[in-house]
PDB file of N, CA and C in Angstrom:
ATOM      1  N   UNK A   1       0.507  -2.165  15.015  1.00  0.00           N
ATOM      2  CA  UNK A   1      -0.820  -2.330  14.456  1.00  0.00           C
ATOM      3  C   UNK A   1      -1.587  -3.307  15.348  1.00  0.00           C
ATOM      4  N   UNK A   2      -2.753  -2.904  15.783  1.00  0.00           N
ATOM      5  CA  UNK A   2      -3.548  -3.799  16.609  1.00  0.00           C
ATOM      6  C   UNK A   2      -4.444  -4.691  15.733  1.00  0.00           C
ATOM      7  N   UNK A   3      -5.078  -5.658  16.359  1.00  0.00           N
ATOM      8  CA  UNK A   3      -5.901  -6.625  15.616  1.00  0.00           C
ATOM      9  C   UNK A   3      -7.087  -5.976  14.916  1.00  0.00           C
ATOM     10  N   UNK A   4      -7.682  -4.966  15.553  1.00  0.00           N
ATOM     11  CA  UNK A   4      -8.817  -4.266  14.951  1.00  0.00           C
ATOM     12  C   UNK A   4      -8.398  -3.572  13.659  1.00  0.00           C
ATOM     13  N   UNK A   5      -7.265  -2.906  13.690  1.00  0.00           N
ATOM     14  CA  UNK A   5      -6.740  -2.229  12.504  1.00  0.00           C
ATOM     15  C   UNK A   5      -6.420  -3.239  11.414  1.00  0.00           C
ATOM     16  N   UNK A   6      -5.788  -4.350  11.797  1.00  0.00           N
ATOM     17  CA  UNK A   6      -5.432  -5.386  10.825  1.00  0.00           C
ATOM     18  C   UNK A   6      -6.680  -5.954  10.150  1.00  0.00           C
ATOM     19  N   UNK A   7      -7.711  -6.233  10.916  1.00  0.00           N
ATOM     20  CA  UNK A   7      -8.953  -6.769  10.336  1.00  0.00           C
ATOM     21  C   UNK A   7      -9.615  -5.768   9.404  1.00  0.00           C
ATOM     22  N   UNK A   8      -9.620  -4.494   9.794  1.00  0.00           N
ATOM     23  CA  UNK A   8     -10.202  -3.456   8.937  1.00  0.00           C
ATOM     24  C   UNK A   8      -9.444  -3.372   7.617  1.00  0.00           C
ATOM     25  N   UNK A   9      -8.127  -3.419   7.702  1.00  0.00           N
ATOM     26  CA  UNK A   9      -7.312  -3.337   6.494  1.00  0.00           C
ATOM     27  C   UNK A   9      -7.517  -4.571   5.622  1.00  0.00           C
ATOM     28  N   UNK A  10      -7.548  -5.758   6.230  1.00  0.00           N
ATOM     29  CA  UNK A  10      -7.771  -6.989   5.449  1.00  0.00           C
ATOM     30  C   UNK A  10      -9.107  -6.935   4.710  1.00  0.00           C
ATOM     31  N   UNK A  11     -10.137  -6.405   5.352  1.00  0.00           N
ATOM     32  CA  UNK A  11     -11.437  -6.272   4.685  1.00  0.00           C
ATOM     33  C   UNK A  11     -11.360  -5.289   3.521  1.00  0.00           C
ATOM     34  N   UNK A  12     -10.601  -4.226   3.707  1.00  0.00           N
ATOM     35  CA  UNK A  12     -10.431  -3.244   2.628  1.00  0.00           C
ATOM     36  C   UNK A  12      -9.663  -3.868   1.460  1.00  0.00           C
ATOM     37  N   UNK A  13      -8.665  -4.687   1.775  1.00  0.00           N
ATOM     38  CA  UNK A  13      -7.868  -5.353   0.737  1.00  0.00           C
ATOM     39  C   UNK A  13      -8.746  -6.286  -0.097  1.00  0.00           C
ATOM     40  N   UNK A  14      -9.685  -6.966   0.536  1.00  0.00           N
ATOM     41  CA  UNK A  14     -10.577  -7.894  -0.173  1.00  0.00           C
ATOM     42  C   UNK A  14     -11.361  -7.196  -1.271  1.00  0.00           C
ATOM     43  N   UNK A  15     -11.605  -5.904  -1.110  1.00  0.00           N
ATOM     44  CA  UNK A  15     -12.393  -5.152  -2.091  1.00  0.00           C
ATOM     45  C   UNK A  15     -11.556  -4.458  -3.155  1.00  0.00           C
ATOM     46  N   UNK A  16     -10.244  -4.635  -3.094  1.00  0.00           N
ATOM     47  CA  UNK A  16      -9.390  -4.010  -4.113  1.00  0.00           C
ATOM     48  C   UNK A  16      -9.622  -4.667  -5.473  1.00  0.00           C
ATOM     49  N   UNK A  17      -9.496  -3.890  -6.540  1.00  0.00           N
ATOM     50  CA  UNK A  17      -9.650  -4.450  -7.878  1.00  0.00           C
ATOM     51  C   UNK A  17      -8.370  -5.140  -8.356  1.00  0.00           C
ATOM     52  N   UNK A  18      -8.527  -5.998  -9.325  1.00  0.00           N
ATOM     53  CA  UNK A  18      -7.389  -6.666  -9.970  1.00  0.00           C
ATOM     54  C   UNK A  18      -6.961  -5.824 -11.175  1.00  0.00           C
ATOM     55  N   UNK A  19      -6.647  -4.571 -10.899  1.00  0.00           N
ATOM     56  CA  UNK A  19      -6.272  -3.605 -11.940  1.00  0.00           C
ATOM     57  C   UNK A  19      -4.950  -2.954 -11.563  1.00  0.00           C
ATOM     58  N   UNK A  20      -4.268  -2.354 -12.555  1.00  0.00           N
ATOM     59  CA  UNK A  20      -3.024  -1.651 -12.232  1.00  0.00           C
ATOM     60  C   UNK A  20      -3.310  -0.377 -11.451  1.00  0.00           C
ATOM     61  N   UNK A  21      -2.352  -0.022 -10.611  1.00  0.00           N
ATOM     62  CA  UNK A  21      -2.522   1.204  -9.848  1.00  0.00           C
ATOM     63  C   UNK A  21      -1.397   1.457  -8.884  1.00  0.00           C
ATOM     64  N   UNK A  22      -1.619   2.447  -8.046  1.00  0.00           N
ATOM     65  CA  UNK A  22      -0.667   2.859  -7.027  1.00  0.00           C
ATOM     66  C   UNK A  22      -1.383   2.792  -5.686  1.00  0.00           C
ATOM     67  N   UNK A  23      -0.672   2.297  -4.673  1.00  0.00           N
ATOM     68  CA  UNK A  23      -1.232   2.252  -3.329  1.00  0.00           C
ATOM     69  C   UNK A  23      -0.401   3.147  -2.420  1.00  0.00           C
ATOM     70  N   UNK A  24      -1.081   3.775  -1.477  1.00  0.00           N
ATOM     71  CA  UNK A  24      -0.464   4.779  -0.612  1.00  0.00           C
ATOM     72  C   UNK A  24      -0.737   4.378   0.828  1.00  0.00           C
ATOM     73  N   UNK A  25       0.306   3.941   1.531  1.00  0.00           N
ATOM     74  CA  UNK A  25       0.183   3.518   2.917  1.00  0.00           C
ATOM     75  C   UNK A  25       0.326   4.738   3.830  1.00  0.00           C
ATOM     76  N   UNK A  26      -0.555   4.805   4.850  1.00  0.00           N
ATOM     77  CA  UNK A  26      -0.557   5.949   5.769  1.00  0.00           C
ATOM     78  C   UNK A  26      -0.479   5.467   7.214  1.00  0.00           C
ATOM     79  N   UNK A  27       0.113   6.298   8.063  1.00  0.00           N
ATOM     80  CA  UNK A  27       0.173   5.980   9.484  1.00  0.00           C
ATOM     81  C   UNK A  27      -1.076   6.518  10.187  1.00  0.00           C
ATOM     82  N   UNK A  28      -1.134   6.363  11.488  1.00  0.00           N
ATOM     83  CA  UNK A  28      -2.305   6.752  12.264  1.00  0.00           C
ATOM     84  C   UNK A  28      -2.590   8.254  12.178  1.00  0.00           C
ATOM     85  N   UNK A  29      -1.588   9.055  11.905  1.00  0.00           N
ATOM     86  CA  UNK A  29      -1.760  10.502  11.768  1.00  0.00           C
ATOM     87  C   UNK A  29      -2.130  10.922  10.352  1.00  0.00           C
ATOM     88  N   UNK A  30      -2.200   9.955   9.437  1.00  0.00           N
ATOM     89  CA  UNK A  30      -2.528  10.264   8.041  1.00  0.00           C
ATOM     90  C   UNK A  30      -1.328  10.608   7.192  1.00  0.00           C
ATOM     91  N   UNK A  31      -0.122  10.492   7.757  1.00  0.00           N
ATOM     92  CA  UNK A  31       1.095  10.765   6.995  1.00  0.00           C
ATOM     93  C   UNK A  31       1.365   9.618   6.032  1.00  0.00           C
ATOM     94  N   UNK A  32       1.780   9.955   4.839  1.00  0.00           N
ATOM     95  CA  UNK A  32       2.133   8.934   3.847  1.00  0.00           C
ATOM     96  C   UNK A  32       3.486   8.355   4.227  1.00  0.00           C
ATOM     97  N   UNK A  33       3.514   7.033   4.454  1.00  0.00           N
ATOM     98  CA  UNK A  33       4.770   6.391   4.841  1.00  0.00           C
ATOM     99  C   UNK A  33       5.327   5.501   3.737  1.00  0.00           C
ATOM    100  N   UNK A  34       4.496   5.156   2.725  1.00  0.00           N
ATOM    101  CA  UNK A  34       4.987   4.316   1.636  1.00  0.00           C
ATOM    102  C   UNK A  34       4.090   4.490   0.424  1.00  0.00           C
ATOM    103  N   UNK A  35       4.694   4.488  -0.747  1.00  0.00           N
ATOM    104  CA  UNK A  35       3.966   4.520  -2.013  1.00  0.00           C
ATOM    105  C   UNK A  35       4.505   3.383  -2.866  1.00  0.00           C
ATOM    106  N   UNK A  36       3.606   2.585  -3.416  1.00  0.00           N
ATOM    107  CA  UNK A  36       4.028   1.479  -4.273  1.00  0.00           C
ATOM    108  C   UNK A  36       3.128   1.352  -5.486  1.00  0.00           C
ATOM    109  N   UNK A  37       3.602   0.622  -6.464  1.00  0.00           N
ATOM    110  CA  UNK A  37       2.826   0.399  -7.691  1.00  0.00           C
ATOM    111  C   UNK A  37       2.486  -1.079  -7.796  1.00  0.00           C
ATOM    112  N   UNK A  38       1.474  -1.382  -8.598  1.00  0.00           N
ATOM    113  CA  UNK A  38       1.070  -2.774  -8.755  1.00  0.00           C
ATOM    114  C   UNK A  38       0.452  -3.004 -10.124  1.00  0.00           C
ATOM    115  N   UNK A  39       0.751  -4.167 -10.672  1.00  0.00           N
ATOM    116  CA  UNK A  39       0.089  -4.604 -11.902  1.00  0.00           C
ATOM    117  C   UNK A  39      -1.352  -4.979 -11.563  1.00  0.00           C
ATOM    118  N   UNK A  40      -1.529  -5.621 -10.402  1.00  0.00           N
ATOM    119  CA  UNK A  40      -2.851  -5.991  -9.887  1.00  0.00           C
ATOM    120  C   UNK A  40      -2.881  -5.589  -8.419  1.00  0.00           C
ATOM    121  N   UNK A  41      -3.595  -4.517  -8.124  1.00  0.00           N
ATOM    122  CA  UNK A  41      -3.606  -3.949  -6.778  1.00  0.00           C
ATOM    123  C   UNK A  41      -3.941  -4.974  -5.697  1.00  0.00           C
ATOM    124  N   UNK A  42      -4.978  -5.753  -5.921  1.00  0.00           N
ATOM    125  CA  UNK A  42      -5.417  -6.707  -4.897  1.00  0.00           C
ATOM    126  C   UNK A  42      -4.305  -7.691  -4.543  1.00  0.00           C
ATOM    127  N   UNK A  43      -3.656  -8.235  -5.554  1.00  0.00           N
ATOM    128  CA  UNK A  43      -2.579  -9.204  -5.308  1.00  0.00           C
ATOM    129  C   UNK A  43      -1.420  -8.572  -4.552  1.00  0.00           C
ATOM    130  N   UNK A  44      -1.013  -7.407  -4.968  1.00  0.00           N
ATOM    131  CA  UNK A  44       0.179  -6.787  -4.378  1.00  0.00           C
ATOM    132  C   UNK A  44      -0.062  -6.328  -2.947  1.00  0.00           C
ATOM    133  N   UNK A  45      -1.136  -5.609  -2.711  1.00  0.00           N
ATOM    134  CA  UNK A  45      -1.387  -5.065  -1.384  1.00  0.00           C
ATOM    135  C   UNK A  45      -1.663  -6.192  -0.382  1.00  0.00           C
ATOM    136  N   UNK A  46      -2.334  -7.233  -0.822  1.00  0.00           N
ATOM    137  CA  UNK A  46      -2.631  -8.346   0.093  1.00  0.00           C
ATOM    138  C   UNK A  46      -1.358  -9.014   0.605  1.00  0.00           C
ATOM    139  N   UNK A  47      -0.285  -8.973  -0.170  1.00  0.00           N
ATOM    140  CA  UNK A  47       0.975  -9.578   0.260  1.00  0.00           C
ATOM    141  C   UNK A  47       1.496  -8.953   1.551  1.00  0.00           C
ATOM    142  N   UNK A  48       1.217  -7.704   1.782  1.00  0.00           N
ATOM    143  CA  UNK A  48       1.700  -7.032   2.990  1.00  0.00           C
ATOM    144  C   UNK A  48       0.986  -7.525   4.249  1.00  0.00           C
ATOM    145  N   UNK A  49      -0.280  -7.893   4.123  1.00  0.00           N
ATOM    146  CA  UNK A  49      -1.090  -8.161   5.295  1.00  0.00           C
ATOM    147  C   UNK A  49      -1.488  -9.626   5.480  1.00  0.00           C
ATOM    148  N   UNK A  50      -1.211 -10.458   4.496  1.00  0.00           N
ATOM    149  CA  UNK A  50      -1.609 -11.866   4.590  1.00  0.00           C
ATOM    150  C   UNK A  50      -0.405 -12.781   4.783  1.00  0.00           C
ATOM    151  N   UNK A  51       0.640 -12.584   4.031  1.00  0.00           N
ATOM    152  CA  UNK A  51       1.813 -13.449   4.141  1.00  0.00           C
ATOM    153  C   UNK A  51       2.532 -13.215   5.465  1.00  0.00           C
ATOM    154  N   UNK A  52       3.014 -14.293   6.052  1.00  0.00           N
ATOM    155  CA  UNK A  52       3.721 -14.186   7.326  1.00  0.00           C
ATOM    156  C   UNK A  52       5.190 -13.822   7.142  1.00  0.00           C
ATOM    157  N   UNK A  53       5.820 -14.287   6.070  1.00  0.00           N
ATOM    158  CA  UNK A  53       7.234 -14.007   5.868  1.00  0.00           C
ATOM    159  C   UNK A  53       7.407 -12.642   5.220  1.00  0.00           C
ATOM    160  N   UNK A  54       8.159 -11.793   5.884  1.00  0.00           N
ATOM    161  CA  UNK A  54       8.474 -10.473   5.338  1.00  0.00           C
ATOM    162  C   UNK A  54       9.878 -10.084   5.791  1.00  0.00           C
ATOM    163  N   UNK A  55      10.540  -9.288   4.978  1.00  0.00           N
ATOM    164  CA  UNK A  55      11.823  -8.734   5.392  1.00  0.00           C
ATOM    165  C   UNK A  55      11.581  -7.789   6.567  1.00  0.00           C
ATOM    166  N   UNK A  56      12.595  -7.570   7.366  1.00  0.00           N
ATOM    167  CA  UNK A  56      12.453  -6.732   8.563  1.00  0.00           C
ATOM    168  C   UNK A  56      11.971  -5.323   8.224  1.00  0.00           C
ATOM    169  N   UNK A  57      12.480  -4.742   7.156  1.00  0.00           N
ATOM    170  CA  UNK A  57      12.065  -3.394   6.755  1.00  0.00           C
ATOM    171  C   UNK A  57      10.568  -3.366   6.427  1.00  0.00           C
ATOM    172  N   UNK A  58      10.089  -4.402   5.761  1.00  0.00           N
ATOM    173  CA  UNK A  58       8.673  -4.476   5.403  1.00  0.00           C
ATOM    174  C   UNK A  58       7.826  -4.674   6.662  1.00  0.00           C
ATOM    175  N   UNK A  59       8.287  -5.508   7.585  1.00  0.00           N
ATOM    176  CA  UNK A  59       7.566  -5.708   8.849  1.00  0.00           C
ATOM    177  C   UNK A  59       7.399  -4.393   9.593  1.00  0.00           C
ATOM    178  N   UNK A  60       8.455  -3.598   9.632  1.00  0.00           N
ATOM    179  CA  UNK A  60       8.401  -2.313  10.325  1.00  0.00           C
ATOM    180  C   UNK A  60       7.404  -1.371   9.655  1.00  0.00           C
ATOM    181  N   UNK A  61       7.424  -1.332   8.336  1.00  0.00           N
ATOM    182  CA  UNK A  61       6.496  -0.467   7.614  1.00  0.00           C
ATOM    183  C   UNK A  61       5.059  -0.910   7.880  1.00  0.00           C
ATOM    184  N   UNK A  62       4.777  -2.202   7.756  1.00  0.00           N
ATOM    185  CA  UNK A  62       3.424  -2.727   7.956  1.00  0.00           C
ATOM    186  C   UNK A  62       2.947  -2.448   9.384  1.00  0.00           C
ATOM    187  N   UNK A  63       3.842  -2.545  10.353  1.00  0.00           N
ATOM    188  CA  UNK A  63       3.495  -2.270  11.750  1.00  0.00           C
ATOM    189  C   UNK A  63       2.942  -0.856  11.910  1.00  0.00           C
ATOM    190  N   UNK A  64       3.422   0.087  11.103  1.00  0.00           N
ATOM    191  CA  UNK A  64       3.011   1.484  11.211  1.00  0.00           C
ATOM    192  C   UNK A  64       1.834   1.854  10.308  1.00  0.00           C
ATOM    193  N   UNK A  65       1.385   0.935   9.463  1.00  0.00           N
ATOM    194  CA  UNK A  65       0.269   1.241   8.562  1.00  0.00           C
ATOM    195  C   UNK A  65      -1.040   1.259   9.352  1.00  0.00           C
ATOM    196  N   UNK A  66      -1.777   2.327   9.188  1.00  0.00           N
ATOM    197  CA  UNK A  66      -3.093   2.441   9.812  1.00  0.00           C
ATOM    198  C   UNK A  66      -4.192   2.374   8.753  1.00  0.00           C
ATOM    199  N   UNK A  67      -3.876   2.851   7.547  1.00  0.00           N
ATOM    200  CA  UNK A  67      -4.837   2.853   6.449  1.00  0.00           C
ATOM    201  C   UNK A  67      -4.076   2.958   5.138  1.00  0.00           C
ATOM    202  N   UNK A  68      -4.777   2.767   4.048  1.00  0.00           N
ATOM    203  CA  UNK A  68      -4.170   2.959   2.733  1.00  0.00           C
ATOM    204  C   UNK A  68      -5.217   3.465   1.756  1.00  0.00           C
ATOM    205  N   UNK A  69      -4.742   4.163   0.762  1.00  0.00           N
ATOM    206  CA  UNK A  69      -5.562   4.618  -0.365  1.00  0.00           C
ATOM    207  C   UNK A  69      -4.979   4.000  -1.613  1.00  0.00           C
ATOM    208  N   UNK A  70      -5.716   4.082  -2.696  1.00  0.00           N
ATOM    209  CA  UNK A  70      -5.189   3.586  -3.964  1.00  0.00           C
ATOM    210  C   UNK A  70      -5.760   4.401  -5.111  1.00  0.00           C
ATOM    211  N   UNK A  71      -5.030   4.387  -6.201  1.00  0.00           N
ATOM    212  CA  UNK A  71      -5.433   5.086  -7.413  1.00  0.00           C
ATOM    213  C   UNK A  71      -5.314   4.095  -8.559  1.00  0.00           C
ATOM    214  N   UNK A  72      -6.396   3.885  -9.274  1.00  0.00           N
ATOM    215  CA  UNK A  72      -6.393   2.989 -10.427  1.00  0.00           C
ATOM    216  C   UNK A  72      -5.910   3.764 -11.645  1.00  0.00           C
ATOM    217  N   UNK A  73      -5.070   3.111 -12.442  1.00  0.00           N
ATOM    218  CA  UNK A  73      -4.563   3.717 -13.675  1.00  0.00           C
ATOM    219  C   UNK A  73      -4.806   2.764 -14.844  1.00  0.00           C
ATOM    220  N   UNK A  74      -4.472   3.213 -16.032  1.00  0.00           N
ATOM    221  CA  UNK A  74      -4.748   2.421 -17.233  1.00  0.00           C
ATOM    222  C   UNK A  74      -3.724   1.334 -17.522  1.00  0.00           C
ATOM    223  N   UNK A  75      -2.491   1.518 -17.053  1.00  0.00           N
ATOM    224  CA  UNK A  75      -1.445   0.554 -17.408  1.00  0.00           C
ATOM    225  C   UNK A  75      -0.363   0.522 -16.332  1.00  0.00           C
ATOM    226  N   UNK A  76       0.499  -0.479 -16.451  1.00  0.00           N
ATOM    227  CA  UNK A  76       1.651  -0.590 -15.553  1.00  0.00           C
ATOM    228  C   UNK A  76       2.575   0.620 -15.689  1.00  0.00           C
ATOM    229  N   UNK A  77       2.741   1.090 -16.906  1.00  0.00           N
ATOM    230  CA  UNK A  77       3.591   2.260 -17.150  1.00  0.00           C
ATOM    231  C   UNK A  77       3.020   3.497 -16.459  1.00  0.00           C
ATOM    232  N   UNK A  78       1.704   3.668 -16.527  1.00  0.00           N
ATOM    233  CA  UNK A  78       1.073   4.787 -15.826  1.00  0.00           C
ATOM    234  C   UNK A  78       1.286   4.662 -14.315  1.00  0.00           C
ATOM    235  N   UNK A  79       1.222   3.444 -13.801  1.00  0.00           N
ATOM    236  CA  UNK A  79       1.451   3.207 -12.370  1.00  0.00           C
ATOM    237  C   UNK A  79       2.876   3.586 -11.992  1.00  0.00           C
ATOM    238  N   UNK A  80       3.832   3.208 -12.816  1.00  0.00           N
ATOM    239  CA  UNK A  80       5.231   3.532 -12.565  1.00  0.00           C
ATOM    240  C   UNK A  80       5.444   5.044 -12.517  1.00  0.00           C
ATOM    241  N   UNK A  81       4.875   5.750 -13.471  1.00  0.00           N
ATOM    242  CA  UNK A  81       5.021   7.208 -13.524  1.00  0.00           C
ATOM    243  C   UNK A  81       4.344   7.887 -12.336  1.00  0.00           C
ATOM    244  N   UNK A  82       3.149   7.432 -12.006  1.00  0.00           N
ATOM    245  CA  UNK A  82       2.428   8.025 -10.879  1.00  0.00           C
ATOM    246  C   UNK A  82       3.159   7.753  -9.564  1.00  0.00           C
ATOM    247  N   UNK A  83       3.652   6.533  -9.409  1.00  0.00           N
ATOM    248  CA  UNK A  83       4.419   6.189  -8.205  1.00  0.00           C
ATOM    249  C   UNK A  83       5.613   7.128  -8.042  1.00  0.00           C
ATOM    250  N   UNK A  84       6.366   7.313  -9.102  1.00  0.00           N
ATOM    251  CA  UNK A  84       7.544   8.182  -9.054  1.00  0.00           C
ATOM    252  C   UNK A  84       7.161   9.612  -8.674  1.00  0.00           C
ATOM    253  N   UNK A  85       6.092  10.114  -9.264  1.00  0.00           N
ATOM    254  CA  UNK A  85       5.649  11.479  -8.956  1.00  0.00           C
ATOM    255  C   UNK A  85       5.178  11.613  -7.510  1.00  0.00           C
ATOM    256  N   UNK A  86       4.450  10.620  -7.009  1.00  0.00           N
ATOM    257  CA  UNK A  86       3.965  10.674  -5.629  1.00  0.00           C
ATOM    258  C   UNK A  86       5.110  10.567  -4.625  1.00  0.00           C
ATOM    259  N   UNK A  87       6.111   9.766  -4.956  1.00  0.00           N
ATOM    260  CA  UNK A  87       7.282   9.638  -4.071  1.00  0.00           C
ATOM    261  C   UNK A  87       8.026  10.977  -4.026  1.00  0.00           C
ATOM    262  N   UNK A  88       8.223  11.594  -5.178  1.00  0.00           N
ATOM    263  CA  UNK A  88       8.908  12.896  -5.206  1.00  0.00           C
ATOM    264  C   UNK A  88       8.141  13.942  -4.414  1.00  0.00           C
ATOM    265  N   UNK A  89       6.833  13.954  -4.580  1.00  0.00           N
ATOM    266  CA  UNK A  89       5.994  14.959  -3.931  1.00  0.00           C
ATOM    267  C   UNK A  89       5.904  14.745  -2.415  1.00  0.00           C
ATOM    268  N   UNK A  90       5.724  13.493  -1.986  1.00  0.00           N
ATOM    269  CA  UNK A  90       5.435  13.216  -0.574  1.00  0.00           C
ATOM    270  C   UNK A  90       6.623  12.737   0.252  1.00  0.00           C
ATOM    271  N   UNK A  91       7.652  12.282  -0.404  1.00  0.00           N
ATOM    272  CA  UNK A  91       8.872  11.795   0.264  1.00  0.00           C
ATOM    273  C   UNK A  91       8.544  10.897   1.467  1.00  0.00           C
ATOM    274  N   UNK A  92       7.895   9.744   1.199  1.00  0.00           N
ATOM    275  CA  UNK A  92       7.511   8.848   2.291  1.00  0.00           C
ATOM    276  C   UNK A  92       8.723   8.298   3.038  1.00  0.00           C
ATOM    277  N   UNK A  93       8.505   7.937   4.301  1.00  0.00           N
ATOM    278  CA  UNK A  93       9.579   7.446   5.166  1.00  0.00           C
ATOM    279  C   UNK A  93      10.192   6.148   4.643  1.00  0.00           C
ATOM    280  N   UNK A  94       9.365   5.229   4.160  1.00  0.00           N
ATOM    281  CA  UNK A  94       9.866   3.919   3.676  1.00  0.00           C
ATOM    282  C   UNK A  94       9.976   3.925   2.172  1.00  0.00           C
TER     283      UNK A  94
END
């Protein structure tokens, strides 16, 4: 991930809502590489791009992220169900 991509993503993260949902990380080709759920999207997604300490697997995934999408849901349970369905459907690498 280059600095331009990182800055673009950080700006996008700043606009995320503090609502439950699912986030979908994509590589430069638009392939889904990771799907995750969050009680508060802004808090969870920002952890990937702001904190310096990460496990090696997470560092590798973040290195390949070019963009992300998100879907807001009504509850944590809805996020869990949607995450599971998206993982089954898309079979992301991470």
